[in-house]
Amino acid sequence: MSEATEKSIPPEKLVRVTFQPEGRTVEFEFGTMPYERHGKPMSFLDVAENNGVFLDHACGGVCACSTCHVLIKAGEKGLTPADDDELDRLDMAADQQLNSRLGCQAVITRPGEYVVEIPKWNRNYVAEGKPLTLAEAK
């Protein structure tokens, strides 16, 4: 049982996000997660970074690359629609699919269950943790 569940979040306010392929699920009360400049507030990147789940984001989450590309497996109706800037960046993403979104731009707009998959080409980062910075590599 997660810490969030132990705090008994009212079901009508519960947000549950599962990150695949690692199967890591985080739960929190809608509207209570602090924003620390990880993509847009309440984006999948923001949720991941606030909960210790690694989702690569080379540009810092400002929609200037496509490294936070995720596949939405469940909960699409509870997300903001992709805007033109996101769609332009997604055109550069490897293995783009109909359910592709950028983790920094796909914002959760209501409580519910969400499942996102980090695509195959990015799974090695997830398995090994965050890549070394240039300073660490020396």
N, C-alpha and C. Protein backbone atom coordinates (compact mmCIF):
# COMPACT_ATOMS: atom_id res chain seq x y z
N MET A 1 0.85 -1.18 0.00
CA MET A 1 0.00 0.00 0.00
C MET A 1 0.89 1.24 0.00
N SER A 2 0.57 2.19 -0.82
CA SER A 2 1.40 3.39 -0.92
C SER A 2 1.13 4.34 0.24
N GLU A 3 2.06 5.25 0.45
CA GLU A 3 1.89 6.25 1.50
C GLU A 3 0.64 7.08 1.26
N ALA A 4 0.37 7.42 0.01
CA ALA A 4 -0.81 8.23 -0.32
C ALA A 4 -2.09 7.52 0.07
N THR A 5 -2.17 6.20 -0.18
CA THR A 5 -3.36 5.45 0.16
C THR A 5 -3.53 5.40 1.67
N GLU A 6 -2.41 5.27 2.41
CA GLU A 6 -2.48 5.25 3.87
C GLU A 6 -3.05 6.55 4.42
N LYS A 7 -2.86 7.66 3.71
CA LYS A 7 -3.39 8.94 4.14
C LYS A 7 -4.87 9.08 3.76
N SER A 8 -5.42 8.05 3.19
CA SER A 8 -6.82 7.98 2.77
C SER A 8 -7.29 9.18 1.96
N ILE A 9 -6.81 9.22 0.75
CA ILE A 9 -7.24 10.25 -0.20
C ILE A 9 -8.68 9.93 -0.60
N PRO A 10 -9.55 10.93 -0.56
CA PRO A 10 -10.93 10.67 -1.02
C PRO A 10 -10.91 10.15 -2.46
N PRO A 11 -11.65 9.10 -2.76
CA PRO A 11 -11.62 8.51 -4.10
C PRO A 11 -11.88 9.51 -5.22
N GLU A 12 -12.73 10.50 -4.97
CA GLU A 12 -13.05 11.48 -6.01
C GLU A 12 -11.91 12.47 -6.26
N LYS A 13 -10.84 12.42 -5.45
CA LYS A 13 -9.69 13.30 -5.63
C LYS A 13 -8.40 12.54 -5.93
N LEU A 14 -8.49 11.21 -6.03
CA LEU A 14 -7.30 10.37 -6.21
C LEU A 14 -6.80 10.39 -7.65
N VAL A 15 -5.50 10.65 -7.79
CA VAL A 15 -4.81 10.51 -9.07
C VAL A 15 -3.85 9.34 -8.91
N ARG A 16 -3.93 8.39 -9.82
CA ARG A 16 -3.03 7.22 -9.81
C ARG A 16 -2.36 7.15 -11.18
N VAL A 17 -1.03 7.27 -11.17
CA VAL A 17 -0.26 7.22 -12.41
C VAL A 17 0.68 6.02 -12.34
N THR A 18 0.59 5.15 -13.35
CA THR A 18 1.49 4.00 -13.44
C THR A 18 2.43 4.22 -14.61
N PHE A 19 3.72 4.11 -14.33
CA PHE A 19 4.76 4.26 -15.34
C PHE A 19 5.22 2.86 -15.74
N GLN A 20 5.05 2.53 -17.03
CA GLN A 20 5.49 1.25 -17.59
C GLN A 20 6.80 1.47 -18.34
N PRO A 21 7.67 0.56 -18.49
CA PRO A 21 7.51 -0.85 -18.18
C PRO A 21 7.85 -1.23 -16.74
N GLU A 22 8.35 -0.30 -15.93
CA GLU A 22 8.75 -0.70 -14.58
C GLU A 22 7.56 -0.96 -13.66
N GLY A 23 6.35 -0.57 -14.05
CA GLY A 23 5.19 -0.85 -13.24
C GLY A 23 5.12 -0.03 -11.95
N ARG A 24 5.77 1.10 -11.94
CA ARG A 24 5.80 1.95 -10.74
C ARG A 24 4.55 2.82 -10.73
N THR A 25 3.78 2.74 -9.65
CA THR A 25 2.56 3.52 -9.51
C THR A 25 2.73 4.55 -8.40
N VAL A 26 2.32 5.78 -8.69
CA VAL A 26 2.32 6.84 -7.69
C VAL A 26 0.89 7.34 -7.54
N GLU A 27 0.54 7.69 -6.31
CA GLU A 27 -0.80 8.19 -6.03
C GLU A 27 -0.68 9.49 -5.26
N PHE A 28 -1.59 10.42 -5.54
CA PHE A 28 -1.61 11.68 -4.82
C PHE A 28 -2.99 12.31 -4.97
N GLU A 29 -3.25 13.27 -4.12
CA GLU A 29 -4.53 13.98 -4.18
C GLU A 29 -4.44 15.06 -5.25
N PHE A 30 -5.43 15.10 -6.13
CA PHE A 30 -5.45 16.08 -7.22
C PHE A 30 -5.33 17.49 -6.65
N GLY A 31 -4.45 18.27 -7.24
CA GLY A 31 -4.27 19.66 -6.85
C GLY A 31 -3.33 19.90 -5.69
N THR A 32 -2.71 18.85 -5.16
CA THR A 32 -1.84 19.04 -4.00
C THR A 32 -0.36 18.87 -4.28
N MET A 33 0.01 18.40 -5.47
CA MET A 33 1.41 18.15 -5.76
C MET A 33 2.14 19.47 -5.99
N PRO A 34 3.27 19.67 -5.30
CA PRO A 34 4.03 20.92 -5.51
C PRO A 34 4.62 20.97 -6.91
N TYR A 35 4.70 22.15 -7.47
CA TYR A 35 5.30 22.33 -8.80
C TYR A 35 6.72 22.82 -8.64
N GLU A 36 7.65 22.09 -9.26
CA GLU A 36 9.07 22.45 -9.15
C GLU A 36 9.71 22.62 -10.52
N ARG A 37 8.92 23.13 -11.48
CA ARG A 37 9.43 23.47 -12.81
C ARG A 37 9.91 22.27 -13.63
N HIS A 38 9.18 21.16 -13.53
CA HIS A 38 9.47 19.98 -14.35
C HIS A 38 8.41 19.90 -15.43
N GLY A 39 8.61 20.58 -16.55
CA GLY A 39 7.57 20.64 -17.57
C GLY A 39 6.43 21.51 -17.06
N LYS A 40 5.25 21.33 -17.61
CA LYS A 40 4.08 22.08 -17.15
C LYS A 40 3.61 21.49 -15.81
N PRO A 41 2.99 22.33 -14.97
CA PRO A 41 2.46 21.80 -13.70
C PRO A 41 1.47 20.67 -13.95
N MET A 42 1.61 19.58 -13.21
CA MET A 42 0.77 18.38 -13.28
C MET A 42 0.97 17.59 -14.56
N SER A 43 2.07 17.85 -15.28
CA SER A 43 2.40 17.02 -16.45
C SER A 43 2.98 15.69 -15.95
N PHE A 44 3.07 14.72 -16.85
CA PHE A 44 3.65 13.43 -16.47
C PHE A 44 5.12 13.60 -16.05
N LEU A 45 5.83 14.53 -16.68
CA LEU A 45 7.21 14.79 -16.26
C LEU A 45 7.23 15.34 -14.84
N ASP A 46 6.34 16.26 -14.53
CA ASP A 46 6.24 16.83 -13.19
C ASP A 46 5.93 15.74 -12.16
N VAL A 47 4.98 14.87 -12.48
CA VAL A 47 4.62 13.77 -11.58
C VAL A 47 5.81 12.84 -11.39
N ALA A 48 6.48 12.49 -12.48
CA ALA A 48 7.64 11.59 -12.39
C ALA A 48 8.74 12.19 -11.52
N GLU A 49 9.12 13.41 -11.79
CA GLU A 49 10.21 14.04 -11.05
C GLU A 49 9.87 14.25 -9.58
N ASN A 50 8.62 14.54 -9.28
CA ASN A 50 8.21 14.72 -7.88
C ASN A 50 8.13 13.41 -7.11
N ASN A 51 8.17 12.28 -7.83
CA ASN A 51 8.03 10.98 -7.18
C ASN A 51 9.19 10.03 -7.44
N GLY A 52 10.32 10.56 -7.87
CA GLY A 52 11.51 9.73 -8.04
C GLY A 52 11.47 8.74 -9.18
N VAL A 53 10.66 9.02 -10.20
CA VAL A 53 10.60 8.17 -11.39
C VAL A 53 11.38 8.89 -12.49
N PHE A 54 12.36 8.21 -13.09
CA PHE A 54 13.17 8.86 -14.11
C PHE A 54 12.47 8.87 -15.45
N LEU A 55 12.30 10.07 -15.99
CA LEU A 55 11.80 10.29 -17.34
C LEU A 55 12.74 11.31 -17.97
N ASP A 56 13.53 10.86 -18.93
CA ASP A 56 14.53 11.73 -19.55
C ASP A 56 13.88 12.99 -20.09
N HIS A 57 14.58 14.11 -19.96
CA HIS A 57 14.08 15.39 -20.47
C HIS A 57 15.27 16.32 -20.70
N ALA A 58 15.93 16.12 -21.83
CA ALA A 58 17.17 16.82 -22.15
C ALA A 58 17.02 18.34 -22.18
N CYS A 59 15.86 18.85 -22.54
CA CYS A 59 15.68 20.30 -22.65
C CYS A 59 15.23 20.94 -21.34
N GLY A 60 15.08 20.14 -20.30
CA GLY A 60 14.62 20.68 -19.03
C GLY A 60 13.11 20.77 -18.94
N GLY A 61 12.40 20.17 -19.88
CA GLY A 61 10.94 20.15 -19.82
C GLY A 61 10.27 21.38 -20.39
N VAL A 62 10.90 22.02 -21.39
CA VAL A 62 10.34 23.24 -21.97
C VAL A 62 9.85 23.04 -23.41
N CYS A 63 9.60 21.80 -23.80
CA CYS A 63 9.07 21.48 -25.13
C CYS A 63 10.03 21.90 -26.24
N ALA A 64 11.33 21.66 -26.01
CA ALA A 64 12.33 21.99 -27.02
C ALA A 64 13.02 20.75 -27.57
N CYS A 65 12.58 19.56 -27.14
CA CYS A 65 13.13 18.31 -27.66
C CYS A 65 12.03 17.26 -27.59
N SER A 66 12.37 16.00 -27.75
CA SER A 66 11.35 14.95 -27.66
C SER A 66 11.80 13.80 -26.76
N THR A 67 12.76 14.05 -25.86
CA THR A 67 13.29 12.97 -25.04
C THR A 67 12.32 12.49 -23.96
N CYS A 68 11.29 13.25 -23.63
CA CYS A 68 10.31 12.82 -22.62
C CYS A 68 9.08 12.18 -23.27
N HIS A 69 9.24 11.73 -24.50
CA HIS A 69 8.17 11.07 -25.26
C HIS A 69 7.63 9.88 -24.47
N VAL A 70 6.31 9.84 -24.29
CA VAL A 70 5.64 8.72 -23.64
C VAL A 70 4.45 8.28 -24.48
N LEU A 71 3.99 7.07 -24.22
CA LEU A 71 2.80 6.54 -24.88
C LEU A 71 1.69 6.47 -23.83
N ILE A 72 0.56 7.08 -24.12
CA ILE A 72 -0.56 7.09 -23.18
C ILE A 72 -1.34 5.79 -23.36
N LYS A 73 -1.34 4.97 -22.34
CA LYS A 73 -2.03 3.67 -22.39
C LYS A 73 -3.42 3.72 -21.76
N ALA A 74 -3.63 4.66 -20.82
CA ALA A 74 -4.94 4.82 -20.18
C ALA A 74 -5.04 6.22 -19.61
N GLY A 75 -6.24 6.80 -19.67
CA GLY A 75 -6.50 8.10 -19.08
C GLY A 75 -6.42 9.28 -20.02
N GLU A 76 -6.36 9.04 -21.31
CA GLU A 76 -6.18 10.11 -22.29
C GLU A 76 -7.23 11.22 -22.15
N LYS A 77 -8.46 10.87 -21.81
CA LYS A 77 -9.52 11.88 -21.73
C LYS A 77 -9.32 12.85 -20.58
N GLY A 78 -8.49 12.50 -19.61
CA GLY A 78 -8.21 13.38 -18.48
C GLY A 78 -7.01 14.27 -18.68
N LEU A 79 -6.52 14.36 -19.93
CA LEU A 79 -5.32 15.16 -20.24
C LEU A 79 -5.67 16.36 -21.10
N THR A 80 -4.84 17.38 -21.02
CA THR A 80 -4.96 18.50 -21.95
C THR A 80 -4.69 17.99 -23.36
N PRO A 81 -5.32 18.58 -24.37
CA PRO A 81 -4.99 18.19 -25.74
C PRO A 81 -3.61 18.72 -26.12
N ALA A 82 -2.96 18.04 -27.04
CA ALA A 82 -1.65 18.50 -27.52
C ALA A 82 -1.82 19.79 -28.31
N ASP A 83 -0.97 20.78 -28.03
CA ASP A 83 -1.02 22.03 -28.80
C ASP A 83 -0.04 21.93 -29.98
N ASP A 84 0.00 22.96 -30.80
CA ASP A 84 0.84 22.95 -32.01
C ASP A 84 2.32 22.77 -31.69
N ASP A 85 2.82 23.42 -30.63
CA ASP A 85 4.23 23.28 -30.26
C ASP A 85 4.57 21.83 -29.93
N GLU A 86 3.71 21.18 -29.15
CA GLU A 86 3.95 19.78 -28.80
C GLU A 86 3.90 18.90 -30.04
N LEU A 87 2.92 19.11 -30.89
CA LEU A 87 2.80 18.29 -32.10
C LEU A 87 4.03 18.45 -33.01
N ASP A 88 4.55 19.68 -33.09
CA ASP A 88 5.76 19.91 -33.89
C ASP A 88 6.95 19.14 -33.32
N ARG A 89 7.10 19.12 -32.00
CA ARG A 89 8.20 18.39 -31.36
C ARG A 89 8.00 16.89 -31.48
N LEU A 90 6.77 16.44 -31.37
CA LEU A 90 6.50 15.00 -31.49
C LEU A 90 6.89 14.47 -32.87
N ASP A 91 6.85 15.34 -33.88
CA ASP A 91 7.27 14.92 -35.22
C ASP A 91 8.72 14.46 -35.23
N MET A 92 9.51 14.90 -34.26
CA MET A 92 10.92 14.52 -34.18
C MET A 92 11.14 13.28 -33.31
N ALA A 93 10.12 12.81 -32.62
CA ALA A 93 10.25 11.68 -31.70
C ALA A 93 10.43 10.37 -32.45
N ALA A 94 11.26 9.51 -31.91
CA ALA A 94 11.43 8.17 -32.47
C ALA A 94 10.18 7.35 -32.20
N ASP A 95 9.77 6.53 -33.16
CA ASP A 95 8.67 5.58 -33.00
C ASP A 95 7.37 6.26 -32.55
N GLN A 96 7.05 7.39 -33.16
CA GLN A 96 5.82 8.11 -32.82
C GLN A 96 4.60 7.25 -33.15
N GLN A 97 3.61 7.28 -32.24
CA GLN A 97 2.37 6.52 -32.43
C GLN A 97 1.18 7.44 -32.18
N LEU A 98 -0.02 6.94 -32.44
CA LEU A 98 -1.21 7.77 -32.26
C LEU A 98 -1.40 8.21 -30.81
N ASN A 99 -0.90 7.44 -29.86
CA ASN A 99 -1.04 7.77 -28.44
C ASN A 99 0.23 8.42 -27.87
N SER A 100 1.10 8.93 -28.73
CA SER A 100 2.32 9.60 -28.28
C SER A 100 2.02 10.99 -27.72
N ARG A 101 2.71 11.32 -26.65
CA ARG A 101 2.66 12.66 -26.06
C ARG A 101 4.05 12.97 -25.51
N LEU A 102 4.30 14.23 -25.27
CA LEU A 102 5.50 14.62 -24.55
C LEU A 102 5.15 14.68 -23.07
N GLY A 103 5.96 14.03 -22.26
CA GLY A 103 5.70 14.00 -20.82
C GLY A 103 5.67 15.37 -20.18
N CYS A 104 6.40 16.32 -20.75
CA CYS A 104 6.45 17.68 -20.18
C CYS A 104 5.23 18.51 -20.53
N GLN A 105 4.44 18.06 -21.51
CA GLN A 105 3.30 18.85 -22.00
C GLN A 105 1.94 18.23 -21.70
N ALA A 106 1.88 16.92 -21.52
CA ALA A 106 0.61 16.23 -21.25
C ALA A 106 0.24 16.45 -19.79
N VAL A 107 -0.74 17.31 -19.55
CA VAL A 107 -1.12 17.73 -18.20
C VAL A 107 -2.38 17.00 -17.74
N ILE A 108 -2.32 16.47 -16.53
CA ILE A 108 -3.47 15.81 -15.91
C ILE A 108 -4.46 16.89 -15.47
N THR A 109 -5.70 16.78 -15.95
CA THR A 109 -6.69 17.83 -15.67
C THR A 109 -7.75 17.42 -14.66
N ARG A 110 -7.74 16.14 -14.25
CA ARG A 110 -8.75 15.69 -13.29
C ARG A 110 -8.27 14.40 -12.63
N PRO A 111 -8.86 14.08 -11.47
CA PRO A 111 -8.52 12.82 -10.81
C PRO A 111 -8.84 11.64 -11.73
N GLY A 112 -8.16 10.53 -11.50
CA GLY A 112 -8.40 9.34 -12.29
C GLY A 112 -7.18 8.46 -12.36
N GLU A 113 -7.27 7.44 -13.21
CA GLU A 113 -6.18 6.48 -13.40
C GLU A 113 -5.52 6.74 -14.74
N TYR A 114 -4.19 6.80 -14.72
CA TYR A 114 -3.40 7.07 -15.91
C TYR A 114 -2.28 6.03 -16.00
N VAL A 115 -2.04 5.56 -17.21
CA VAL A 115 -0.94 4.64 -17.45
C VAL A 115 -0.15 5.19 -18.63
N VAL A 116 1.15 5.38 -18.40
CA VAL A 116 2.03 5.85 -19.46
C VAL A 116 3.18 4.87 -19.62
N GLU A 117 3.57 4.67 -20.86
CA GLU A 117 4.70 3.77 -21.16
C GLU A 117 5.85 4.59 -21.71
N ILE A 118 7.02 4.35 -21.14
CA ILE A 118 8.22 4.94 -21.69
C ILE A 118 8.65 4.03 -22.84
N PRO A 119 8.74 4.55 -24.07
CA PRO A 119 9.01 3.71 -25.25
C PRO A 119 10.30 2.90 -25.15
N LYS A 120 10.37 1.84 -25.93
CA LYS A 120 11.51 0.92 -25.93
C LYS A 120 12.85 1.62 -26.05
N TRP A 121 12.94 2.59 -26.97
CA TRP A 121 14.23 3.23 -27.21
C TRP A 121 14.73 4.00 -26.00
N ASN A 122 13.88 4.26 -25.01
CA ASN A 122 14.28 5.01 -23.83
C ASN A 122 14.32 4.14 -22.58
N ARG A 123 13.96 2.87 -22.68
CA ARG A 123 13.89 2.00 -21.50
C ARG A 123 15.24 1.74 -20.87
N ASN A 124 16.31 1.75 -21.62
CA ASN A 124 17.63 1.50 -21.05
C ASN A 124 17.97 2.54 -20.00
N TYR A 125 17.58 3.79 -20.23
CA TYR A 125 17.80 4.83 -19.22
C TYR A 125 17.06 4.50 -17.94
N VAL A 126 15.84 4.02 -18.07
CA VAL A 126 15.03 3.70 -16.89
C VAL A 126 15.68 2.58 -16.10
N ALA A 127 16.18 1.56 -16.79
CA ALA A 127 16.78 0.43 -16.11
C ALA A 127 18.08 0.80 -15.40
N GLU A 128 18.82 1.73 -15.96
CA GLU A 128 20.12 2.07 -15.41
C GLU A 128 20.12 3.33 -14.57
N GLY A 129 19.04 4.07 -14.54
CA GLY A 129 19.01 5.32 -13.78
C GLY A 129 19.42 6.48 -14.65
N LYS A 130 19.54 7.62 -14.03
CA LYS A 130 19.88 8.82 -14.80
C LYS A 130 21.27 8.71 -15.38
N PRO A 131 21.45 9.18 -16.63
CA PRO A 131 22.77 9.15 -17.24
C PRO A 131 23.72 10.08 -16.50
N LEU A 132 25.02 9.79 -16.59
CA LEU A 132 26.01 10.64 -15.97
C LEU A 132 26.03 12.02 -16.61
N THR A 133 26.28 13.03 -15.81
CA THR A 133 26.50 14.35 -16.37
C THR A 133 27.95 14.42 -16.83
N LEU A 134 28.29 15.42 -17.61
CA LEU A 134 29.66 15.55 -18.10
C LEU A 134 30.64 15.67 -16.94
N ALA A 135 30.27 16.36 -15.88
CA ALA A 135 31.16 16.52 -14.73
C ALA A 135 31.42 15.19 -14.05
N GLU A 136 30.41 14.31 -13.96
CA GLU A 136 30.56 13.00 -13.32
C GLU A 136 31.38 12.05 -14.17
N ALA A 137 31.36 12.22 -15.47
CA ALA A 137 32.03 11.30 -16.39
C ALA A 137 33.54 11.48 -16.38
N LYS A 138 34.03 12.63 -15.91
CA LYS A 138 35.47 12.89 -15.92
C LYS A 138 36.21 12.14 -14.85
